[in-house]
């Protein structure tokens, strides 16, 4: 027997957890089997592979940056922008009572991309200033001041472009 559930305004993951909780409290006979399929099953599989993919992508980005900057320290400094962004994302998800979903994960990946690209711009400009003989502290201050406007402009363009996805506007968005 198949039971099909299509919630209108409820998180699929939360609903699947509630169903599993009910099933655990009411054990079935040995000849019956319960299996989550459809969106809920696909979402859980996606979460598992997404976590591993996220870790691998950070490692690969680090290795590419090591090759690009010919340094192990600069890529580490660049990737230090990721934890504050992820912490901010978790804070906003909790503040807005938004469930952790595939869309939230995708948004986090995009945030990581934006923060890493902004950090690359600053670190690269610091190197350019240092090659002209500017002291490290002065190069950091100047790079942050000079590159602030271009970084804000590109980040703002990216954020504005992603607003429809953030608010889940469009057909099929209720699944996430």
Protein backbone atom coordinates (compact mmCIF):
# COMPACT_ATOMS: atom_id res chain seq x y z
CA UNK A 1 0.00 0.00 0.00
CA UNK A 2 1.32 3.44 -0.91
CA UNK A 3 0.42 6.54 1.04
CA UNK A 4 1.07 9.83 -0.72
CA UNK A 5 1.46 13.02 1.32
CA UNK A 6 1.80 16.44 -0.27
CA UNK A 7 2.02 19.19 2.36
CA UNK A 8 1.12 22.70 1.26
CA UNK A 9 2.83 24.91 3.82
CA UNK A 10 4.97 22.54 5.87
CA UNK A 11 8.60 21.52 5.62
CA UNK A 12 8.88 18.06 4.04
CA UNK A 13 11.83 17.09 6.24
CA UNK A 14 9.97 18.00 9.43
CA UNK A 15 6.90 16.11 8.25
CA UNK A 16 9.01 13.03 7.42
CA UNK A 17 10.56 13.18 10.91
CA UNK A 18 7.09 13.28 12.48
CA UNK A 19 5.95 10.30 10.40
CA UNK A 20 9.04 8.30 11.39
CA UNK A 21 8.45 9.17 15.05
CA UNK A 22 4.87 7.87 14.82
CA UNK A 23 6.05 4.68 13.11
CA UNK A 24 8.69 4.05 15.80
CA UNK A 25 6.10 4.50 18.55
CA UNK A 26 3.74 2.05 16.82
CA UNK A 27 5.79 -0.93 15.63
CA UNK A 28 4.49 -2.85 12.64
CA UNK A 29 4.41 -6.60 12.17
CA UNK A 30 7.38 -8.29 10.52
CA UNK A 31 5.60 -8.76 7.20
CA UNK A 32 5.08 -4.98 6.78
CA UNK A 33 7.71 -2.49 5.73
CA UNK A 34 7.67 1.31 5.75
CA UNK A 35 9.86 3.23 3.37
CA UNK A 36 10.14 6.98 2.76
CA UNK A 37 10.20 7.71 -0.94
CA UNK A 38 9.65 10.66 -3.19
CA UNK A 39 10.77 14.13 -2.17
CA UNK A 40 11.50 13.21 1.46
CA UNK A 41 13.73 10.27 0.55
CA UNK A 42 15.50 12.22 -2.18
CA UNK A 43 16.02 15.14 0.20
CA UNK A 44 17.65 12.95 2.83
CA UNK A 45 19.97 11.37 0.27
CA UNK A 46 20.82 14.83 -1.02
CA UNK A 47 21.72 16.03 2.49
CA UNK A 48 24.14 13.14 2.93
CA UNK A 49 25.92 13.69 -0.38
CA UNK A 50 25.75 17.48 -0.07
CA UNK A 51 27.72 17.51 3.19
CA UNK A 52 30.50 15.43 1.69
CA UNK A 53 30.45 17.52 -1.48
CA UNK A 54 30.74 20.71 0.55
CA UNK A 55 33.80 19.44 2.40
CA UNK A 56 35.42 18.25 -0.82
CA UNK A 57 34.71 21.55 -2.55
CA UNK A 58 36.41 23.54 0.22
CA UNK A 59 39.46 21.25 -0.03
CA UNK A 60 39.55 21.59 -3.83
CA UNK A 61 39.18 25.37 -3.64
CA UNK A 62 42.06 25.46 -1.16
CA UNK A 63 44.26 23.38 -3.47
CA UNK A 64 43.45 25.56 -6.49
CA UNK A 65 44.24 28.67 -4.46
CA UNK A 66 47.53 27.13 -3.29
CA UNK A 67 48.50 26.61 -6.92
CA UNK A 68 47.36 30.11 -7.90
CA UNK A 69 49.03 32.02 -5.05
CA UNK A 70 52.02 29.64 -4.70
CA UNK A 71 51.51 29.81 -0.95
CA UNK A 72 49.84 27.72 1.73
CA UNK A 73 49.09 30.73 3.95
CA UNK A 74 47.22 33.01 1.51
CA UNK A 75 44.53 30.44 0.65
CA UNK A 76 44.06 29.77 4.35
CA UNK A 77 43.54 33.50 4.94
CA UNK A 78 41.09 33.60 2.03
CA UNK A 79 39.11 30.62 3.36
CA UNK A 80 38.88 32.24 6.81
CA UNK A 81 35.95 34.21 5.37
CA UNK A 82 33.86 31.02 5.25
CA UNK A 83 33.20 30.35 8.99
CA UNK A 84 31.71 33.79 9.77
CA UNK A 85 29.45 33.46 6.73
CA UNK A 86 28.25 30.01 7.75
CA UNK A 87 27.69 31.16 11.34
CA UNK A 88 25.70 34.13 10.03
CA UNK A 89 23.66 31.81 7.82
CA UNK A 90 22.82 29.53 10.74
CA UNK A 91 21.90 32.55 12.87
CA UNK A 92 19.56 33.93 10.19
CA UNK A 93 17.97 30.50 9.61
CA UNK A 94 17.28 30.23 13.35
CA UNK A 95 16.09 33.84 13.60
CA UNK A 96 13.62 33.46 10.72
CA UNK A 97 12.60 29.93 11.76
CA UNK A 98 13.57 28.68 8.30
CA UNK A 99 14.11 24.93 8.07
CA UNK A 100 17.44 23.57 6.86
CA UNK A 101 16.66 22.55 3.29
CA UNK A 102 18.34 21.93 -0.04
CA UNK A 103 17.73 25.57 -0.94
CA UNK A 104 19.37 26.70 2.30
CA UNK A 105 22.38 24.51 1.53
CA UNK A 106 22.58 25.90 -2.00
CA UNK A 107 22.40 29.43 -0.63
CA UNK A 108 25.23 28.62 1.77
CA UNK A 109 27.38 27.34 -1.09
CA UNK A 110 26.69 30.54 -3.02
CA UNK A 111 27.56 32.59 0.05
CA UNK A 112 30.85 30.72 0.31
CA UNK A 113 31.56 31.49 -3.34
CA UNK A 114 30.89 35.21 -2.88
CA UNK A 115 32.94 35.47 0.31
CA UNK A 116 35.88 33.57 -1.19
CA UNK A 117 35.87 35.72 -4.33
CA UNK A 118 35.79 38.89 -2.22
CA UNK A 119 38.70 37.61 -0.14
CA UNK A 120 40.66 36.75 -3.28
CA UNK A 121 40.26 40.33 -4.53
CA UNK A 122 41.60 41.75 -1.28
CA UNK A 123 44.52 39.31 -0.89
CA UNK A 124 45.55 39.75 -4.53
CA UNK A 125 45.48 43.55 -4.15
CA UNK A 126 47.53 43.31 -0.95
CA UNK A 127 50.16 41.36 -2.92
CA UNK A 128 50.13 43.99 -5.65
CA UNK A 129 50.68 46.77 -3.08
CA UNK A 130 53.41 44.79 -1.30
CA UNK A 131 55.27 44.35 -4.60
CA UNK A 132 55.53 48.14 -4.82
CA UNK A 133 57.17 48.29 -1.38
CA UNK A 134 54.18 49.12 0.82
CA UNK A 135 54.38 47.75 4.37
CA UNK A 136 52.03 44.87 5.22
CA UNK A 137 49.77 46.77 7.62
CA UNK A 138 49.45 49.73 5.25
CA UNK A 139 48.83 47.36 2.32
CA UNK A 140 46.01 45.64 4.22
CA UNK A 141 44.37 48.97 5.12
CA UNK A 142 44.72 50.34 1.61
CA UNK A 143 43.52 47.16 -0.08
CA UNK A 144 40.41 47.00 2.09
CA UNK A 145 39.65 50.68 1.53
CA UNK A 146 40.33 50.69 -2.23
CA UNK A 147 38.61 47.39 -3.04
CA UNK A 148 35.57 48.00 -0.79
CA UNK A 149 33.43 49.67 -3.47
CA UNK A 150 34.03 47.05 -6.22
CA UNK A 151 33.43 44.25 -3.71
CA UNK A 152 30.18 45.80 -2.50
CA UNK A 153 29.01 46.35 -6.09
CA UNK A 154 29.70 42.79 -7.24
CA UNK A 155 28.34 41.24 -4.05
CA UNK A 156 25.21 43.38 -4.20
CA UNK A 157 24.64 42.39 -7.84
CA UNK A 158 24.95 38.72 -6.88
CA UNK A 159 22.66 39.09 -3.87
CA UNK A 160 19.99 40.96 -5.84
CA UNK A 161 20.17 38.32 -8.56
CA UNK A 162 19.60 35.57 -6.01
CA UNK A 163 16.67 37.22 -4.21
CA UNK A 164 14.01 35.27 -6.16
CA UNK A 165 15.64 32.00 -5.11
CA UNK A 166 16.02 33.16 -1.50
CA UNK A 167 12.31 33.86 -1.23
CA UNK A 168 11.42 30.67 -3.11
CA UNK A 169 9.44 32.46 -5.77
CA UNK A 170 8.30 30.38 -8.70
CA UNK A 171 6.73 27.08 -9.62
CA UNK A 172 7.99 24.08 -7.67
CA UNK A 173 9.60 26.14 -4.93
CA UNK A 174 7.17 24.83 -2.32
CA UNK A 175 8.99 21.48 -2.46
CA UNK A 176 12.00 23.08 -0.80
